[in-house]
Amino acid sequence: AKSTVYLQMNSLKLEDTAVYYCRVFSGFQNLWGQG
């Protein structure tokens, strides 16, 4: 309903440090976020 994808991250570790990107498949579209 909100056209939103989530990632809940718990117990974060030092090695989780990164740029995180989402990817959405919508119809025939393959969409990437900017990070």
Full PDB file with SEQRES, HELIX, SHEET, SSBOND, CRYST1, ORIGX, SCALE, CONECT and MASTER records, all heavy atoms in Angstrom:
SEQRES   1 A   35  ALA LYS SER THR VAL TYR LEU GLN MET ASN SER LEU LYS          
SEQRES   2 A   35  LEU GLU ASP THR ALA VAL TYR TYR CYS ARG VAL PHE SER          
SEQRES   3 A   35  GLY PHE GLN ASN LEU TRP GLY GLN GLY                          
HELIX    1 AA1 LEU A   14  ASP A   16  5                                   3    
SHEET    1 AA1 2 ARG A  23  SER A  26  0                                        
SHEET    2 AA1 2 GLN A  29  TRP A  32 -1                                        
CRYST1    1.000    1.000    1.000  90.00  90.00  90.00 P 1           1          
ORIGX1      1.000000  0.000000  0.000000        0.00000                         
ORIGX2      0.000000  1.000000  0.000000        0.00000                         
ORIGX3      0.000000  0.000000  1.000000        0.00000                         
SCALE1      1.000000  0.000000  0.000000        0.00000                         
SCALE2      0.000000  1.000000  0.000000        0.00000                         
SCALE3      0.000000  0.000000  1.000000        0.00000                         
ATOM      1  N   ALA A   1       0.825  -1.212   0.000  1.00  0.00           N  
ATOM      2  CA  ALA A   1       0.000   0.000   0.000  1.00  0.00           C  
ATOM      3  C   ALA A   1       0.858   1.260   0.000  1.00  0.00           C  
ATOM      4  O   ALA A   1       0.454   2.299  -0.534  1.00  0.00           O  
ATOM      5  CB  ALA A   1      -0.931  -0.002   1.202  1.00  0.00           C  
ATOM      6  N   LYS A   2       2.035   1.165   0.591  1.00  0.00           N  
ATOM      7  CA  LYS A   2       2.936   2.321   0.652  1.00  0.00           C  
ATOM      8  C   LYS A   2       4.054   2.247  -0.393  1.00  0.00           C  
ATOM      9  O   LYS A   2       4.927   3.110  -0.413  1.00  0.00           O  
ATOM     10  CB  LYS A   2       3.560   2.424   2.044  1.00  0.00           C  
ATOM     11  CG  LYS A   2       2.563   2.700   3.150  1.00  0.00           C  
ATOM     12  CD  LYS A   2       3.266   2.841   4.503  1.00  0.00           C  
ATOM     13  CE  LYS A   2       2.266   3.157   5.609  1.00  0.00           C  
ATOM     14  NZ  LYS A   2       2.940   3.273   6.931  1.00  0.00           N  
ATOM     15  N   SER A   3       4.024   1.209  -1.231  1.00  0.00           N  
ATOM     16  CA  SER A   3       5.083   1.018  -2.235  1.00  0.00           C  
ATOM     17  C   SER A   3       6.459   1.093  -1.588  1.00  0.00           C  
ATOM     18  O   SER A   3       7.365   1.781  -2.074  1.00  0.00           O  
ATOM     19  CB  SER A   3       4.978   2.075  -3.342  1.00  0.00           C  
ATOM     20  OG  SER A   3       3.796   1.941  -4.084  1.00  0.00           O  
ATOM     21  N   THR A   4       6.619   0.397  -0.483  1.00  0.00           N  
ATOM     22  CA  THR A   4       7.855   0.500   0.295  1.00  0.00           C  
ATOM     23  C   THR A   4       8.368  -0.884   0.662  1.00  0.00           C  
ATOM     24  O   THR A   4       7.589  -1.766   1.021  1.00  0.00           O  
ATOM     25  CB  THR A   4       7.617   1.321   1.570  1.00  0.00           C  
ATOM     26  OG1 THR A   4       7.123   2.624   1.209  1.00  0.00           O  
ATOM     27  CG2 THR A   4       8.908   1.491   2.357  1.00  0.00           C  
ATOM     28  N   VAL A   5       9.689  -0.997   0.581  1.00  0.00           N  
ATOM     29  CA  VAL A   5      10.387  -2.194   1.032  1.00  0.00           C  
ATOM     30  C   VAL A   5      11.250  -1.795   2.231  1.00  0.00           C  
ATOM     31  O   VAL A   5      11.846  -0.719   2.240  1.00  0.00           O  
ATOM     32  CB  VAL A   5      11.275  -2.769  -0.094  1.00  0.00           C  
ATOM     33  CG1 VAL A   5      12.041  -3.984   0.393  1.00  0.00           C  
ATOM     34  CG2 VAL A   5      10.420  -3.122  -1.311  1.00  0.00           C  
ATOM     35  N   TYR A   6      11.287  -2.657   3.216  1.00  0.00           N  
ATOM     36  CA  TYR A   6      12.031  -2.370   4.441  1.00  0.00           C  
ATOM     37  C   TYR A   6      13.133  -3.394   4.668  1.00  0.00           C  
ATOM     38  O   TYR A   6      13.052  -4.528   4.201  1.00  0.00           O  
ATOM     39  CB  TYR A   6      11.099  -2.391   5.653  1.00  0.00           C  
ATOM     40  CG  TYR A   6       9.960  -1.416   5.593  1.00  0.00           C  
ATOM     41  CD1 TYR A   6       8.684  -1.819   5.207  1.00  0.00           C  
ATOM     42  CD2 TYR A   6      10.144  -0.077   5.925  1.00  0.00           C  
ATOM     43  CE1 TYR A   6       7.631  -0.927   5.145  1.00  0.00           C  
ATOM     44  CE2 TYR A   6       9.095   0.829   5.873  1.00  0.00           C  
ATOM     45  CZ  TYR A   6       7.839   0.395   5.479  1.00  0.00           C  
ATOM     46  OH  TYR A   6       6.802   1.295   5.421  1.00  0.00           O  
ATOM     47  N   LEU A   7      14.135  -2.955   5.440  1.00  0.00           N  
ATOM     48  CA  LEU A   7      15.140  -3.884   5.945  1.00  0.00           C  
ATOM     49  C   LEU A   7      15.373  -3.529   7.411  1.00  0.00           C  
ATOM     50  O   LEU A   7      15.938  -2.474   7.713  1.00  0.00           O  
ATOM     51  CB  LEU A   7      16.446  -3.793   5.163  1.00  0.00           C  
ATOM     52  CG  LEU A   7      17.507  -4.809   5.594  1.00  0.00           C  
ATOM     53  CD1 LEU A   7      17.061  -6.232   5.222  1.00  0.00           C  
ATOM     54  CD2 LEU A   7      18.858  -4.502   4.952  1.00  0.00           C  
ATOM     55  N   GLN A   8      14.877  -4.382   8.289  1.00  0.00           N  
ATOM     56  CA  GLN A   8      15.118  -4.210   9.722  1.00  0.00           C  
ATOM     57  C   GLN A   8      16.428  -4.883  10.059  1.00  0.00           C  
ATOM     58  O   GLN A   8      16.604  -6.072   9.797  1.00  0.00           O  
ATOM     59  CB  GLN A   8      13.973  -4.823  10.525  1.00  0.00           C  
ATOM     60  CG  GLN A   8      14.154  -4.733  12.028  1.00  0.00           C  
ATOM     61  CD  GLN A   8      14.104  -3.315  12.543  1.00  0.00           C  
ATOM     62  OE1 GLN A   8      13.263  -2.518  12.131  1.00  0.00           O  
ATOM     63  NE2 GLN A   8      15.028  -2.972  13.439  1.00  0.00           N  
ATOM     64  N   MET A   9      17.334  -4.118  10.645  1.00  0.00           N  
ATOM     65  CA  MET A   9      18.666  -4.626  10.965  1.00  0.00           C  
ATOM     66  C   MET A   9      18.880  -4.536  12.467  1.00  0.00           C  
ATOM     67  O   MET A   9      18.879  -3.438  13.027  1.00  0.00           O  
ATOM     68  CB  MET A   9      19.735  -3.823  10.225  1.00  0.00           C  
ATOM     69  CG  MET A   9      19.510  -3.744   8.715  1.00  0.00           C  
ATOM     70  SD  MET A   9      20.870  -2.966   7.839  1.00  0.00           S  
ATOM     71  CE  MET A   9      20.752  -1.297   8.472  1.00  0.00           C  
ATOM     72  N   ASN A  10      19.049  -5.668  13.102  1.00  0.00           N  
ATOM     73  CA  ASN A  10      19.288  -5.730  14.538  1.00  0.00           C  
ATOM     74  C   ASN A  10      20.659  -6.303  14.831  1.00  0.00           C  
ATOM     75  O   ASN A  10      21.277  -6.915  13.961  1.00  0.00           O  
ATOM     76  CB  ASN A  10      18.216  -6.595  15.207  1.00  0.00           C  
ATOM     77  CG  ASN A  10      16.810  -6.052  15.018  1.00  0.00           C  
ATOM     78  OD1 ASN A  10      16.592  -4.845  14.953  1.00  0.00           O  
ATOM     79  ND2 ASN A  10      15.829  -6.947  14.936  1.00  0.00           N  
ATOM     80  N   SER A  11      21.115  -6.102  16.040  1.00  0.00           N  
ATOM     81  CA  SER A  11      22.417  -6.638  16.471  1.00  0.00           C  
ATOM     82  C   SER A  11      23.500  -6.315  15.448  1.00  0.00           C  
ATOM     83  O   SER A  11      24.265  -7.198  15.031  1.00  0.00           O  
ATOM     84  CB  SER A  11      22.313  -8.155  16.667  1.00  0.00           C  
ATOM     85  OG  SER A  11      21.313  -8.475  17.613  1.00  0.00           O  
ATOM     86  N   LEU A  12      23.579  -5.073  15.073  1.00  0.00           N  
ATOM     87  CA  LEU A  12      24.515  -4.675  14.031  1.00  0.00           C  
ATOM     88  C   LEU A  12      25.957  -4.878  14.466  1.00  0.00           C  
ATOM     89  O   LEU A  12      26.312  -4.682  15.639  1.00  0.00           O  
ATOM     90  CB  LEU A  12      24.267  -3.227  13.634  1.00  0.00           C  
ATOM     91  CG  LEU A  12      23.044  -3.038  12.730  1.00  0.00           C  
ATOM     92  CD1 LEU A  12      22.558  -1.595  12.748  1.00  0.00           C  
ATOM     93  CD2 LEU A  12      23.364  -3.472  11.317  1.00  0.00           C  
ATOM     94  N   LYS A  13      26.770  -5.258  13.479  1.00  0.00           N  
ATOM     95  CA  LYS A  13      28.185  -5.512  13.708  1.00  0.00           C  
ATOM     96  C   LYS A  13      29.017  -4.536  12.877  1.00  0.00           C  
ATOM     97  O   LYS A  13      28.527  -3.960  11.906  1.00  0.00           O  
ATOM     98  CB  LYS A  13      28.521  -6.954  13.302  1.00  0.00           C  
ATOM     99  CG  LYS A  13      27.706  -8.020  14.011  1.00  0.00           C  
ATOM    100  CD  LYS A  13      28.066  -9.401  13.486  1.00  0.00           C  
ATOM    101  CE  LYS A  13      27.257 -10.487  14.193  1.00  0.00           C  
ATOM    102  NZ  LYS A  13      27.606 -11.846  13.698  1.00  0.00           N  
ATOM    103  N   LEU A  14      30.278  -4.407  13.262  1.00  0.00           N  
ATOM    104  CA  LEU A  14      31.172  -3.515  12.521  1.00  0.00           C  
ATOM    105  C   LEU A  14      31.197  -3.881  11.038  1.00  0.00           C  
ATOM    106  O   LEU A  14      31.235  -2.994  10.168  1.00  0.00           O  
ATOM    107  CB  LEU A  14      32.583  -3.574  13.096  1.00  0.00           C  
ATOM    108  CG  LEU A  14      32.770  -3.101  14.540  1.00  0.00           C  
ATOM    109  CD1 LEU A  14      34.218  -3.263  14.963  1.00  0.00           C  
ATOM    110  CD2 LEU A  14      32.330  -1.660  14.707  1.00  0.00           C  
ATOM    111  N   GLU A  15      31.158  -5.164  10.745  1.00  0.00           N  
ATOM    112  CA  GLU A  15      31.255  -5.623   9.359  1.00  0.00           C  
ATOM    113  C   GLU A  15      29.986  -5.390   8.551  1.00  0.00           C  
ATOM    114  O   GLU A  15      29.953  -5.674   7.347  1.00  0.00           O  
ATOM    115  CB  GLU A  15      31.633  -7.108   9.301  1.00  0.00           C  
ATOM    116  CG  GLU A  15      30.745  -8.015  10.130  1.00  0.00           C  
ATOM    117  CD  GLU A  15      31.339  -8.304  11.511  1.00  0.00           C  
ATOM    118  OE1 GLU A  15      31.903  -7.380  12.142  1.00  0.00           O  
ATOM    119  OE2 GLU A  15      31.219  -9.470  11.959  1.00  0.00           O  
ATOM    120  N   ASP A  16      28.950  -4.869   9.181  1.00  0.00           N  
ATOM    121  CA  ASP A  16      27.747  -4.484   8.440  1.00  0.00           C  
ATOM    122  C   ASP A  16      27.885  -3.101   7.812  1.00  0.00           C  
ATOM    123  O   ASP A  16      27.003  -2.668   7.058  1.00  0.00           O  
ATOM    124  CB  ASP A  16      26.525  -4.508   9.358  1.00  0.00           C  
ATOM    125  CG  ASP A  16      26.184  -5.897   9.855  1.00  0.00           C  
ATOM    126  OD1 ASP A  16      26.272  -6.853   9.058  1.00  0.00           O  
ATOM    127  OD2 ASP A  16      25.816  -6.014  11.043  1.00  0.00           O  
ATOM    128  N   THR A  17      28.967  -2.409   8.120  1.00  0.00           N  
ATOM    129  CA  THR A  17      29.192  -1.085   7.544  1.00  0.00           C  
ATOM    130  C   THR A  17      29.303  -1.175   6.031  1.00  0.00           C  
ATOM    131  O   THR A  17      30.119  -1.945   5.500  1.00  0.00           O  
ATOM    132  CB  THR A  17      30.469  -0.460   8.125  1.00  0.00           C  
ATOM    133  OG1 THR A  17      30.277  -0.232   9.529  1.00  0.00           O  
ATOM    134  CG2 THR A  17      30.802   0.850   7.435  1.00  0.00           C  
ATOM    135  N   ALA A  18      28.470  -0.405   5.329  1.00  0.00           N  
ATOM    136  CA  ALA A  18      28.433  -0.459   3.860  1.00  0.00           C  
ATOM    137  C   ALA A  18      27.411   0.553   3.352  1.00  0.00           C  
ATOM    138  O   ALA A  18      26.645   1.126   4.141  1.00  0.00           O  
ATOM    139  CB  ALA A  18      28.055  -1.852   3.386  1.00  0.00           C  
ATOM    140  N   VAL A  19      27.402   0.728   2.039  1.00  0.00           N  
ATOM    141  CA  VAL A  19      26.298   1.425   1.392  1.00  0.00           C  
ATOM    142  C   VAL A  19      25.258   0.360   1.022  1.00  0.00           C  
ATOM    143  O   VAL A  19      25.601  -0.654   0.411  1.00  0.00           O  
ATOM    144  CB  VAL A  19      26.751   2.181   0.132  1.00  0.00           C  
ATOM    145  CG1 VAL A  19      25.554   2.848  -0.543  1.00  0.00           C  
ATOM    146  CG2 VAL A  19      27.804   3.232   0.491  1.00  0.00           C  
ATOM    147  N   TYR A  20      24.028   0.602   1.430  1.00  0.00           N  
ATOM    148  CA  TYR A  20      22.947  -0.350   1.196  1.00  0.00           C  
ATOM    149  C   TYR A  20      22.060   0.144   0.056  1.00  0.00           C  
ATOM    150  O   TYR A  20      21.646   1.310   0.036  1.00  0.00           O  
ATOM    151  CB  TYR A  20      22.122  -0.537   2.462  1.00  0.00           C  
ATOM    152  CG  TYR A  20      22.815  -1.401   3.494  1.00  0.00           C  
ATOM    153  CD1 TYR A  20      23.925  -0.916   4.193  1.00  0.00           C  
ATOM    154  CD2 TYR A  20      22.391  -2.695   3.750  1.00  0.00           C  
ATOM    155  CE1 TYR A  20      24.588  -1.718   5.114  1.00  0.00           C  
ATOM    156  CE2 TYR A  20      23.037  -3.502   4.673  1.00  0.00           C  
ATOM    157  CZ  TYR A  20      24.132  -3.009   5.346  1.00  0.00           C  
ATOM    158  OH  TYR A  20      24.783  -3.801   6.268  1.00  0.00           O  
ATOM    159  N   TYR A  21      21.775  -0.760  -0.868  1.00  0.00           N  
ATOM    160  CA  TYR A  21      20.985  -0.438  -2.055  1.00  0.00           C  
ATOM    161  C   TYR A  21      19.730  -1.310  -2.089  1.00  0.00           C  
ATOM    162  O   TYR A  21      19.801  -2.514  -1.820  1.00  0.00           O  
ATOM    163  CB  TYR A  21      21.768  -0.697  -3.333  1.00  0.00           C  
ATOM    164  CG  TYR A  21      23.034   0.094  -3.473  1.00  0.00           C  
ATOM    165  CD1 TYR A  21      24.237  -0.379  -2.947  1.00  0.00           C  
ATOM    166  CD2 TYR A  21      23.043   1.315  -4.144  1.00  0.00           C  
ATOM    167  CE1 TYR A  21      25.411   0.338  -3.081  1.00  0.00           C  
ATOM    168  CE2 TYR A  21      24.216   2.042  -4.290  1.00  0.00           C  
ATOM    169  CZ  TYR A  21      25.386   1.547  -3.752  1.00  0.00           C  
ATOM    170  OH  TYR A  21      26.542   2.269  -3.891  1.00  0.00           O  
ATOM    171  N   CYS A  22      18.624  -0.713  -2.458  1.00  0.00           N  
ATOM    172  CA  CYS A  22      17.432  -1.530  -2.664  1.00  0.00           C  
ATOM    173  C   CYS A  22      17.244  -1.766  -4.151  1.00  0.00           C  
ATOM    174  O   CYS A  22      17.695  -0.990  -4.994  1.00  0.00           O  
ATOM    175  CB  CYS A  22      16.187  -0.890  -2.060  1.00  0.00           C  
ATOM    176  SG  CYS A  22      15.563   0.554  -2.922  1.00  0.00           S  
ATOM    177  N   ARG A  23      16.564  -2.855  -4.430  1.00  0.00           N  
ATOM    178  CA  ARG A  23      16.255  -3.249  -5.799  1.00  0.00           C  
ATOM    179  C   ARG A  23      14.811  -3.722  -5.808  1.00  0.00           C  
ATOM    180  O   ARG A  23      14.435  -4.552  -4.983  1.00  0.00           O  
ATOM    181  CB  ARG A  23      17.169  -4.373  -6.251  1.00  0.00           C  
ATOM    182  CG  ARG A  23      17.025  -4.796  -7.709  1.00  0.00           C  
ATOM    183  CD  ARG A  23      17.977  -5.941  -8.014  1.00  0.00           C  
ATOM    184  NE  ARG A  23      18.014  -6.262  -9.438  1.00  0.00           N  
ATOM    185  CZ  ARG A  23      18.718  -7.280  -9.942  1.00  0.00           C  
ATOM    186  NH1 ARG A  23      19.434  -8.064  -9.141  1.00  0.00           N  
ATOM    187  NH2 ARG A  23      18.711  -7.496 -11.226  1.00  0.00           N  
ATOM    188  N   VAL A  24      14.025  -3.182  -6.728  1.00  0.00           N  
ATOM    189  CA  VAL A  24      12.609  -3.511  -6.801  1.00  0.00           C  
ATOM    190  C   VAL A  24      12.275  -3.993  -8.204  1.00  0.00           C  
ATOM    191  O   VAL A  24      12.647  -3.357  -9.190  1.00  0.00           O  
ATOM    192  CB  VAL A  24      11.744  -2.284  -6.440  1.00  0.00           C  
ATOM    193  CG1 VAL A  24      10.263  -2.597  -6.646  1.00  0.00           C  
ATOM    194  CG2 VAL A  24      12.002  -1.837  -5.018  1.00  0.00           C  
ATOM    195  N   PHE A  25      11.579  -5.102  -8.271  1.00  0.00           N  
ATOM    196  CA  PHE A  25      11.059  -5.606  -9.535  1.00  0.00           C  
ATOM    197  C   PHE A  25       9.583  -5.232  -9.577  1.00  0.00           C  
ATOM    198  O   PHE A  25       8.783  -5.724  -8.775  1.00  0.00           O  
ATOM    199  CB  PHE A  25      11.237  -7.112  -9.642  1.00  0.00           C  
ATOM    200  CG  PHE A  25      12.674  -7.543  -9.674  1.00  0.00           C  
ATOM    201  CD1 PHE A  25      13.338  -7.856  -8.499  1.00  0.00           C  
ATOM    202  CD2 PHE A  25      13.370  -7.610 -10.872  1.00  0.00           C  
ATOM    203  CE1 PHE A  25      14.676  -8.253  -8.524  1.00  0.00           C  
ATOM    204  CE2 PHE A  25      14.698  -8.005 -10.906  1.00  0.00           C  
ATOM    205  CZ  PHE A  25      15.352  -8.319  -9.721  1.00  0.00           C  
ATOM    206  N   SER A  26       9.266  -4.352 -10.513  1.00  0.00           N  
ATOM    207  CA  SER A  26       7.899  -3.848 -10.646  1.00  0.00           C  
ATOM    208  C   SER A  26       7.450  -4.048 -12.076  1.00  0.00           C  
ATOM    209  O   SER A  26       7.930  -3.362 -12.980  1.00  0.00           O  
ATOM    210  CB  SER A  26       7.860  -2.366 -10.265  1.00  0.00           C  
ATOM    211  OG  SER A  26       6.555  -1.842 -10.414  1.00  0.00           O  
ATOM    212  N   GLY A  27       6.550  -4.980 -12.294  1.00  0.00           N  
ATOM    213  CA  GLY A  27       6.179  -5.302 -13.664  1.00  0.00           C  
ATOM    214  C   GLY A  27       7.398  -5.816 -14.411  1.00  0.00           C  
ATOM    215  O   GLY A  27       8.057  -6.757 -13.973  1.00  0.00           O  
ATOM    216  N   PHE A  28       7.733  -5.171 -15.522  1.00  0.00           N  
ATOM    217  CA  PHE A  28       8.921  -5.541 -16.287  1.00  0.00           C  
ATOM    218  C   PHE A  28      10.129  -4.674 -15.935  1.00  0.00           C  
ATOM    219  O   PHE A  28      11.172  -4.779 -16.572  1.00  0.00           O  
ATOM    220  CB  PHE A  28       8.626  -5.435 -17.786  1.00  0.00           C  
ATOM    221  CG  PHE A  28       7.589  -6.405 -18.258  1.00  0.00           C  
ATOM    222  CD1 PHE A  28       6.296  -5.996 -18.543  1.00  0.00           C  
ATOM    223  CD2 PHE A  28       7.898  -7.762 -18.389  1.00  0.00           C  
ATOM    224  CE1 PHE A  28       5.333  -6.896 -18.963  1.00  0.00           C  
ATOM    225  CE2 PHE A  28       6.947  -8.661 -18.804  1.00  0.00           C  
ATOM    226  CZ  PHE A  28       5.660  -8.233 -19.092  1.00  0.00           C  
ATOM    227  N   GLN A  29       9.965  -3.832 -14.922  1.00  0.00           N  
ATOM    228  CA  GLN A  29      11.038  -2.917 -14.556  1.00  0.00           C  
ATOM    229  C   GLN A  29      11.916  -3.491 -13.445  1.00  0.00           C  
ATOM    230  O   GLN A  29      11.423  -4.112 -12.512  1.00  0.00           O  
ATOM    231  CB  GLN A  29      10.453  -1.582 -14.081  1.00  0.00           C  
ATOM    232  CG  GLN A  29       9.657  -0.836 -15.143  1.00  0.00           C  
ATOM    233  CD  GLN A  29       9.171   0.493 -14.629  1.00  0.00           C  
ATOM    234  OE1 GLN A  29       9.846   1.504 -14.777  1.00  0.00           O  
ATOM    235  NE2 GLN A  29       8.025   0.480 -13.996  1.00  0.00           N  
ATOM    236  N   ASN A  30      13.189  -3.244 -13.555  1.00  0.00           N  
ATOM    237  CA  ASN A  30      14.196  -3.641 -12.575  1.00  0.00           C  
ATOM    238  C   ASN A  30      14.804  -2.342 -12.054  1.00  0.00           C  
ATOM    239  O   ASN A  30      15.613  -1.717 -12.735  1.00  0.00           O  
ATOM    240  CB  ASN A  30      15.232  -4.528 -13.253  1.00  0.00           C  
ATOM    241  CG  ASN A  30      16.366  -4.934 -12.337  1.00  0.00           C  
ATOM    242  OD1 ASN A  30      16.348  -4.657 -11.138  1.00  0.00           O  
ATOM    243  ND2 ASN A  30      17.360  -5.579 -12.896  1.00  0.00           N  
ATOM    244  N   LEU A  31      14.373  -1.922 -10.884  1.00  0.00           N  
ATOM    245  CA  LEU A  31      14.684  -0.578 -10.386  1.00  0.00           C  
ATOM    246  C   LEU A  31      15.682  -0.626  -9.235  1.00  0.00           C  
ATOM    247  O   LEU A  31      15.515  -1.406  -8.299  1.00  0.00           O  
ATOM    248  CB  LEU A  31      13.394   0.112  -9.910  1.00  0.00           C  
ATOM    249  CG  LEU A  31      12.248   0.131 -10.933  1.00  0.00           C  
ATOM    250  CD1 LEU A  31      10.966   0.649 -10.276  1.00  0.00           C  
ATOM    251  CD2 LEU A  31      12.622   0.970 -12.138  1.00  0.00           C  
ATOM    252  N   TRP A  32      16.681   0.244  -9.292  1.00  0.00           N  
ATOM    253  CA  TRP A  32      17.691   0.355  -8.234  1.00  0.00           C  
ATOM    254  C   TRP A  32      17.607   1.718  -7.571  1.00  0.00           C  
ATOM    255  O   TRP A  32      17.416   2.740  -8.243  1.00  0.00           O  
ATOM    256  CB  TRP A  32      19.089   0.190  -8.822  1.00  0.00           C  
ATOM    257  CG  TRP A  32      19.461  -1.208  -9.179  1.00  0.00           C  
ATOM    258  CD1 TRP A  32      19.245  -1.841 -10.371  1.00  0.00           C  
ATOM    259  CD2 TRP A  32      20.154  -2.157  -8.341  1.00  0.00           C  
ATOM    260  NE1 TRP A  32      19.754  -3.127 -10.327  1.00  0.00           N  
ATOM    261  CE2 TRP A  32      20.316  -3.334  -9.100  1.00  0.00           C  
ATOM    262  CE3 TRP A  32      20.649  -2.129  -7.043  1.00  0.00           C  
ATOM    263  CZ2 TRP A  32      20.947  -4.471  -8.587  1.00  0.00           C  
ATOM    264  CZ3 TRP A  32      21.284  -3.254  -6.534  1.00  0.00           C  
ATOM    265  CH2 TRP A  32      21.420  -4.410  -7.300  1.00  0.00           C  
ATOM    266  N   GLY A  33      17.805   1.727  -6.274  1.00  0.00           N  
ATOM    267  CA  GLY A  33      17.931   2.987  -5.550  1.00  0.00           C  
ATOM    268  C   GLY A  33      19.368   3.488  -5.618  1.00  0.00           C  
ATOM    269  O   GLY A  33      20.265   2.819  -6.135  1.00  0.00           O  
ATOM    270  N   GLN A  34      19.567   4.689  -5.043  1.00  0.00           N  
ATOM    271  CA  GLN A  34      20.885   5.328  -5.129  1.00  0.00           C  
ATOM    272  C   GLN A  34      21.805   4.937  -3.962  1.00  0.00           C  
ATOM    273  O   GLN A  34      22.987   5.247  -3.986  1.00  0.00           O  
ATOM    274  CB  GLN A  34      20.728   6.845  -5.188  1.00  0.00           C  
ATOM    275  CG  GLN A  34      20.554   7.531  -3.829  1.00  0.00           C  
ATOM    276  CD  GLN A  34      19.234   7.233  -3.158  1.00  0.00           C  
ATOM    277  OE1 GLN A  34      18.303   6.712  -3.775  1.00  0.00           O  
ATOM    278  NE2 GLN A  34      19.128   7.541  -1.868  1.00  0.00           N  
ATOM    279  N   GLY A  35      21.245   4.290  -2.964  1.00  0.00           N  
ATOM    280  CA  GLY A  35      22.052   3.829  -1.838  1.00  0.00           C  
ATOM    281  C   GLY A  35      21.944   4.716  -0.612  1.00  0.00           C  
ATOM    282  O   GLY A  35      21.715   5.923  -0.713  1.00  0.00           O  
TER     283      GLY A  35                                                      
MASTER        0    0    0    1    2    0    0    6  282    1    0    3          
END                                                                             
